[in-house]
Protein backbone atom coordinates (compact mmCIF):
# COMPACT_ATOMS: atom_id res chain seq x y z
CA UNK A 1 185.71 81.16 131.79
CA UNK A 2 182.98 80.02 129.41
CA UNK A 3 180.19 82.48 128.69
CA UNK A 4 176.58 81.63 127.97
CA UNK A 5 175.21 81.59 124.41
CA UNK A 6 171.69 82.69 123.52
CA UNK A 7 170.63 79.07 123.22
CA UNK A 8 172.11 78.22 126.61
CA UNK A 9 170.47 81.23 128.29
CA UNK A 10 167.04 80.17 127.06
CA UNK A 11 167.55 76.72 128.53
CA UNK A 12 168.78 78.13 131.86
CA UNK A 13 165.78 80.46 132.13
CA UNK A 14 163.50 77.42 131.95
CA UNK A 15 165.70 75.52 134.41
CA UNK A 16 165.61 78.45 136.84
CA UNK A 17 161.82 78.50 136.76
CA UNK A 18 161.64 74.75 137.39
CA UNK A 19 164.16 74.94 140.24
CA UNK A 20 162.21 77.70 141.99
CA UNK A 21 159.00 75.71 141.62
CA UNK A 22 160.69 72.67 143.14
CA UNK A 23 162.04 74.60 146.13
CA UNK A 24 158.70 76.38 146.69
CA UNK A 25 157.09 73.02 147.44
CA UNK A 26 160.11 71.35 149.03
CA UNK A 27 160.67 70.30 152.64
CA UNK A 28 162.85 73.34 153.44
CA UNK A 29 160.09 75.87 152.76
CA UNK A 30 158.62 77.90 155.58
CA UNK A 31 155.67 76.26 157.26
CA UNK A 32 153.91 79.34 158.63
CA UNK A 33 151.92 79.52 155.38
CA UNK A 34 150.77 75.96 156.02
CA UNK A 35 149.15 77.09 159.30
CA UNK A 36 146.87 79.84 157.96
CA UNK A 37 143.93 79.95 155.59
CA UNK A 38 144.30 80.61 151.87
CA UNK A 39 142.21 82.54 149.37
CA UNK A 40 142.90 83.25 145.71
CA UNK A 41 142.11 86.88 144.88
CA UNK A 42 141.89 88.99 141.74
CA UNK A 43 142.39 92.68 141.03
CA UNK A 44 144.33 94.99 143.33
CA UNK A 45 142.28 94.46 146.51
CA UNK A 46 139.69 92.09 147.92
CA UNK A 47 137.49 91.50 150.96
CA UNK A 48 138.00 88.37 153.04
CA UNK A 49 135.01 87.02 154.95
CA UNK A 50 135.47 86.72 158.68
CA UNK A 51 133.47 85.97 161.80
CA UNK A 52 129.74 86.42 162.30
CA UNK A 53 127.80 87.43 165.37
CA UNK A 54 124.06 87.82 166.10
CA UNK A 55 122.93 91.43 166.31
CA UNK A 56 120.07 91.16 168.77
CA UNK A 57 118.35 94.52 169.03
CA UNK A 58 117.42 96.06 172.37
CA UNK A 59 113.73 95.58 171.58
CA UNK A 60 114.18 91.88 170.90
CA UNK A 61 116.21 91.44 174.08
CA UNK A 62 113.34 92.98 176.04
CA UNK A 63 110.87 90.70 174.30
CA UNK A 64 112.89 87.64 175.20
CA UNK A 65 113.37 88.75 178.78
CA UNK A 66 109.62 89.17 179.23
CA UNK A 67 108.98 85.56 178.24
CA UNK A 68 110.02 84.04 181.53
CA UNK A 69 108.05 80.85 181.06
CA UNK A 70 109.75 79.84 177.81
CA UNK A 71 109.43 76.10 178.07
CA UNK A 72 105.80 75.85 179.19
CA UNK A 73 102.88 77.23 177.29
CA UNK A 74 99.15 77.04 177.36
CA UNK A 75 97.17 74.69 175.19
CA UNK A 76 96.90 77.27 172.40
CA UNK A 77 100.70 77.54 172.20
CA UNK A 78 100.61 81.34 172.44
CA UNK A 79 103.65 81.73 174.71
CA UNK A 80 105.77 79.35 172.66
CA UNK A 81 104.80 81.14 169.46
CA UNK A 82 105.85 84.47 170.95
CA UNK A 83 109.17 83.02 172.08
CA UNK A 84 109.91 81.52 168.66
CA UNK A 85 109.00 84.81 166.99
CA UNK A 86 111.32 86.74 169.31
CA UNK A 87 114.21 84.38 168.74
CA UNK A 88 113.88 84.25 164.97
CA UNK A 89 113.29 87.97 164.59
CA UNK A 90 116.25 88.67 166.79
CA UNK A 91 118.59 86.51 164.77
CA UNK A 92 117.52 87.54 161.30
CA UNK A 93 120.04 90.36 161.53
CA UNK A 94 123.61 89.07 161.62
CA UNK A 95 126.65 91.31 161.58
CA UNK A 96 129.30 89.98 159.24
CA UNK A 97 132.77 91.39 158.81
CA UNK A 98 134.93 91.45 155.72
CA UNK A 99 138.59 92.35 156.01
CA UNK A 100 140.36 94.21 153.24
CA UNK A 101 143.51 92.84 151.65
CA UNK A 102 145.61 94.78 149.16
CA UNK A 103 148.05 93.21 146.71
CA UNK A 104 151.64 93.72 147.84
CA UNK A 105 154.67 92.78 145.80
CA UNK A 106 157.20 90.52 147.50
CA UNK A 107 160.37 90.08 145.50
CA UNK A 108 163.98 88.93 145.73
CA UNK A 109 166.84 89.19 143.23
CA UNK A 110 170.41 87.97 142.81
CA UNK A 111 173.04 89.41 140.45
CA UNK A 112 175.65 86.99 139.16
CA UNK A 113 178.38 86.74 136.53
CA UNK A 114 177.28 85.51 133.10
CA UNK A 115 179.40 82.38 133.24
CA UNK A 116 178.45 78.73 132.89
CA UNK A 117 179.32 77.92 136.50
CA UNK A 118 177.20 80.78 137.85
CA UNK A 119 174.23 79.78 135.70
CA UNK A 120 174.45 76.19 136.87
CA UNK A 121 174.33 77.32 140.50
CA UNK A 122 171.32 79.55 139.93
CA UNK A 123 169.38 76.77 138.20
CA UNK A 124 170.22 73.95 140.62
CA UNK A 125 167.61 73.52 143.43
CA UNK A 126 170.33 71.99 145.63
CA UNK A 127 172.73 74.95 145.31
CA UNK A 128 173.31 77.22 148.27
CA UNK A 129 172.91 80.39 146.19
CA UNK A 130 169.43 79.52 144.99
CA UNK A 131 168.38 78.27 148.43
CA UNK A 132 169.51 81.56 149.96
CA UNK A 133 167.51 83.47 147.38
CA UNK A 134 164.39 81.47 148.22
CA UNK A 135 165.04 81.90 151.94
CA UNK A 136 164.86 85.65 151.42
CA UNK A 137 161.43 85.22 149.85
CA UNK A 138 160.19 82.93 152.62
CA UNK A 139 161.36 85.39 155.27
CA UNK A 140 159.33 88.17 153.67
CA UNK A 141 156.29 85.90 153.49
CA UNK A 142 156.60 84.94 157.14
CA UNK A 143 157.00 88.56 158.19
CA UNK A 144 153.77 89.42 156.37
CA UNK A 145 151.95 86.70 158.34
CA UNK A 146 153.39 87.87 161.67
CA UNK A 147 152.42 91.46 160.86
CA UNK A 148 148.83 90.29 160.28
CA UNK A 149 148.85 88.36 163.54
CA UNK A 150 150.15 91.31 165.56
CA UNK A 151 148.59 94.34 163.89
CA UNK A 152 146.69 96.63 166.24
CA UNK A 153 143.97 97.31 163.66
CA UNK A 154 142.45 95.87 160.51
CA UNK A 155 140.52 97.62 157.73
CA UNK A 156 137.05 96.12 157.44
CA UNK A 157 133.61 96.47 155.92
CA UNK A 158 131.05 95.79 158.65
CA UNK A 159 127.82 95.40 156.69
CA UNK A 160 125.57 92.63 155.47
CA UNK A 161 124.88 94.37 152.18
CA UNK A 162 126.68 92.73 149.28
CA UNK A 163 127.20 96.14 147.69
CA UNK A 164 128.71 97.74 150.82
CA UNK A 165 132.26 98.96 150.32
CA UNK A 166 132.74 101.55 153.06
CA UNK A 167 135.68 100.54 155.22
CA UNK A 168 136.64 101.44 158.76
CA UNK A 169 139.59 100.72 161.02
CA UNK A 170 138.76 98.07 163.62
CA UNK A 171 140.97 97.66 166.70
CA UNK A 172 142.02 94.35 168.22
CA UNK A 173 139.78 93.65 171.25
CA UNK A 174 141.58 94.04 174.57
CA UNK A 175 140.24 90.63 175.62
CA UNK A 176 142.45 89.05 172.94
CA UNK A 177 145.70 90.44 174.37
CA UNK A 178 147.73 88.53 176.95
CA UNK A 179 149.44 90.15 179.92
CA UNK A 180 153.12 90.88 179.22
CA UNK A 181 155.48 87.96 179.83
CA UNK A 182 159.11 87.90 180.99
CA UNK A 183 161.89 85.46 180.21
CA UNK A 184 162.26 84.74 183.90
CA UNK A 185 158.68 83.79 184.58
CA UNK A 186 157.10 82.43 181.40
CA UNK A 187 156.06 78.79 181.81
CA UNK A 188 153.44 76.32 180.65
CA UNK A 189 150.66 78.48 182.08
CA UNK A 190 150.92 80.48 178.85
CA UNK A 191 149.38 77.55 176.97
CA UNK A 192 146.54 77.28 179.47
CA UNK A 193 145.88 81.03 179.35
CA UNK A 194 145.73 80.95 175.55
CA UNK A 195 143.43 77.94 175.49
CA UNK A 196 141.14 79.63 178.03
CA UNK A 197 140.66 82.64 175.74
CA UNK A 198 139.78 80.44 172.77
CA UNK A 199 137.35 78.39 174.88
CA UNK A 200 135.69 81.61 176.05
CA UNK A 201 135.14 82.45 172.39
CA UNK A 202 133.45 79.07 171.79
CA UNK A 203 136.31 77.86 169.61
CA UNK A 204 136.20 74.09 169.25
CA UNK A 205 137.48 71.63 166.68
CA UNK A 206 140.22 73.96 165.44
CA UNK A 207 143.96 73.53 165.94
CA UNK A 208 145.41 76.35 168.04
CA UNK A 209 149.01 77.43 167.33
CA UNK A 210 151.21 79.52 169.62
CA UNK A 211 154.13 81.23 167.89
CA UNK A 212 157.21 82.30 169.82
CA UNK A 213 160.88 83.08 169.30
CA UNK A 214 163.82 80.77 170.12
CA UNK A 215 164.80 82.72 173.25
CA UNK A 216 161.24 82.52 174.53
CA UNK A 217 161.23 78.80 173.79
CA UNK A 218 164.47 78.41 175.73
CA UNK A 219 163.20 80.37 178.73
CA UNK A 220 159.89 78.53 178.79
CA UNK A 221 161.63 75.16 178.60
CA UNK A 222 164.09 76.00 181.37
CA UNK A 223 161.31 77.35 183.59
CA UNK A 224 159.21 74.22 182.98
CA UNK A 225 161.89 71.54 182.70
CA UNK A 226 159.95 69.17 184.92
CA UNK A 227 156.97 69.01 182.56
CA UNK A 228 158.33 69.74 179.10
CA UNK A 229 160.59 67.93 176.69
CA UNK A 230 162.10 69.10 173.43
CA UNK A 231 159.65 67.07 171.39
CA UNK A 232 156.83 69.24 172.69
CA UNK A 233 157.91 71.91 170.23
CA UNK A 234 157.35 72.11 166.50
CA UNK A 235 160.92 72.73 165.41
CA UNK A 236 161.09 70.38 162.47
CA UNK A 237 159.25 69.95 159.20
CA UNK A 238 158.77 66.27 160.02
CA UNK A 239 155.85 67.10 162.31
CA UNK A 240 153.95 68.84 159.53
CA UNK A 241 154.89 66.27 156.90
CA UNK A 242 153.66 63.46 159.12
CA UNK A 243 150.59 65.36 160.31
CA UNK A 244 151.27 64.46 163.96
CA UNK A 245 151.59 67.78 165.78
CA UNK A 246 152.67 67.80 169.45
CA UNK A 247 150.57 69.88 171.83
CA UNK A 248 150.85 71.40 175.29
CA UNK A 249 147.46 71.80 176.99
CA UNK A 250 145.84 71.46 173.58
CA UNK A 251 147.98 74.18 171.97
CA UNK A 252 150.63 73.56 169.29
CA UNK A 253 153.85 75.53 169.96
CA UNK A 254 155.59 76.93 166.86
CA UNK A 255 159.11 78.32 167.22
CA UNK A 256 160.19 80.93 164.65
CA UNK A 257 163.18 83.35 164.84
CA UNK A 258 161.18 86.24 163.38
CA UNK A 259 159.09 86.50 166.55
CA UNK A 260 162.22 87.93 168.21
CA UNK A 261 163.90 89.69 165.30
CA UNK A 262 164.13 93.29 166.52
CA UNK A 263 165.29 94.59 163.13
CA UNK A 264 162.42 93.06 161.17
CA UNK A 265 159.82 93.76 163.88
CA UNK A 266 160.77 97.37 164.53
CA UNK A 267 157.26 98.62 163.77
CA UNK A 268 155.57 95.96 165.92
CA UNK A 269 157.68 95.85 169.08
CA UNK A 270 156.67 98.29 171.81
CA UNK A 271 158.95 99.96 174.33
CA UNK A 272 160.75 97.39 176.44
CA UNK A 273 159.54 94.46 174.34
CA UNK A 274 162.07 91.88 173.13
CA UNK A 275 159.77 89.50 171.32
CA UNK A 276 156.22 88.66 170.34
CA UNK A 277 153.75 85.90 171.09
CA UNK A 278 150.85 85.10 168.81
CA UNK A 279 148.22 82.37 169.01
CA UNK A 280 145.84 81.66 166.16
CA UNK A 281 143.78 79.12 164.29
CA UNK A 282 143.79 78.58 160.55
CA UNK A 283 140.38 80.22 160.17
CA UNK A 284 141.50 83.45 161.86
CA UNK A 285 144.33 84.37 159.48
CA UNK A 286 144.12 84.35 155.69
CA UNK A 287 146.94 84.37 153.12
CA UNK A 288 145.60 86.16 150.05
CA UNK A 289 147.29 85.35 146.75
CA UNK A 290 146.68 87.80 143.91
CA UNK A 291 149.39 86.33 141.71
CA UNK A 292 151.66 83.44 142.56
CA UNK A 293 155.42 83.11 142.08
CA UNK A 294 156.84 84.40 138.84
CA UNK A 295 160.47 84.09 137.77
CA UNK A 296 162.63 86.21 135.51
CA UNK A 297 166.23 85.80 134.38
CA UNK A 298 167.83 88.64 132.42
CA UNK A 299 171.13 87.68 130.78
CA UNK A 300 174.20 89.84 130.01
CA UNK A 301 172.84 93.25 130.89
CA UNK A 302 175.17 95.84 129.37
CA UNK A 303 174.57 98.43 132.05
CA UNK A 304 175.69 95.91 134.67
CA UNK A 305 178.94 95.04 132.89
CA UNK A 306 177.68 91.80 131.44
CA UNK A 307 176.13 90.49 134.68
CA UNK A 308 172.84 88.59 134.76
CA UNK A 309 170.04 88.72 137.32
CA UNK A 310 167.73 86.07 138.74
CA UNK A 311 164.46 87.54 139.99
CA UNK A 312 161.37 86.14 141.77
CA UNK A 313 158.22 87.97 142.76
CA UNK A 314 154.59 87.47 143.78
CA UNK A 315 151.61 89.68 144.67
CA UNK A 316 150.09 88.70 148.00
CA UNK A 317 148.73 89.97 151.32
CA UNK A 318 147.77 88.53 154.69
CA UNK A 319 145.06 89.62 157.10
CA UNK A 320 143.50 88.81 160.45
CA UNK A 321 139.97 88.13 159.30
CA UNK A 322 138.58 87.09 162.70
CA UNK A 323 139.88 88.80 165.86
CA UNK A 324 138.39 86.17 168.15
CA UNK A 325 140.59 83.49 166.56
CA UNK A 326 143.85 85.33 167.32
CA UNK A 327 145.58 86.14 170.62
CA UNK A 328 148.45 88.60 170.92
CA UNK A 329 151.23 88.87 173.52
CA UNK A 330 154.74 90.16 174.12
CA UNK A 331 157.95 89.22 175.93
CA UNK A 332 159.60 92.03 177.85
CA UNK A 333 163.34 92.60 177.50
CA UNK A 334 163.85 92.84 181.26
């Protein structure tokens, strides 16, 4: 069994980096990251801008209410002037929200024998070993996104002042939570219910995604066989690569095993829940990158009996930066 020389190891370290880079942008990558916003961040934490809403004071509301004849005014224009003043004064205070993200390290590693054959497998983007290593990374990334979608609270700064840094925990509004679903009854009404919530929030011109697990997809399809076909579901990278996403009632279904992975979702699943549902738009969820993918290959480590290690890490976070652009739900186990 041929061992690796110092010259060979240097070459394989470069090849490993190139192979990881190729897979990171390849067609087998996870596509959840393609469906959320992105922001490059620096330092150890950052604040992501979110939604805005007018903060009309009680006094301004009273002033507006008293101007009953808003569209007619006397020749001097007094009434109109008062109405304009009330509107502009009322809207000069706008509550903005900024959601805190904190750099988290996501990493994966693989130990292997320091032999030529093993090095070739770890530096070949088509090898199963390297693909499995990258799959581990993608799974952790996807879980971070689902955790942001389903978290009960977010840490935010609710102030217009640029210097404001005081944070507070903000709960997900109850209006953004669907009634619990069951495998026996879930059908296409779920898409209509989701779309209704987004329309109520004045959301227009944004693609709405609805994430679900494979078992939920199967139950929904069986319960709605007369109106649904397999191609109504985003289960292949070809939809994203071609840019032609299928929709049901204006909502794009996205099937992902992690939405029903009880082991990975232990902290998110409530009592009696078997899976999660999450609807969102790209502007409601942000992937924050503090430092992108970095690779490391240590060769012939003496304390590991001559084994080598291939290592990949990144510093990232994900947050729900606008509650009104996310809808949460759950599938009950019974």
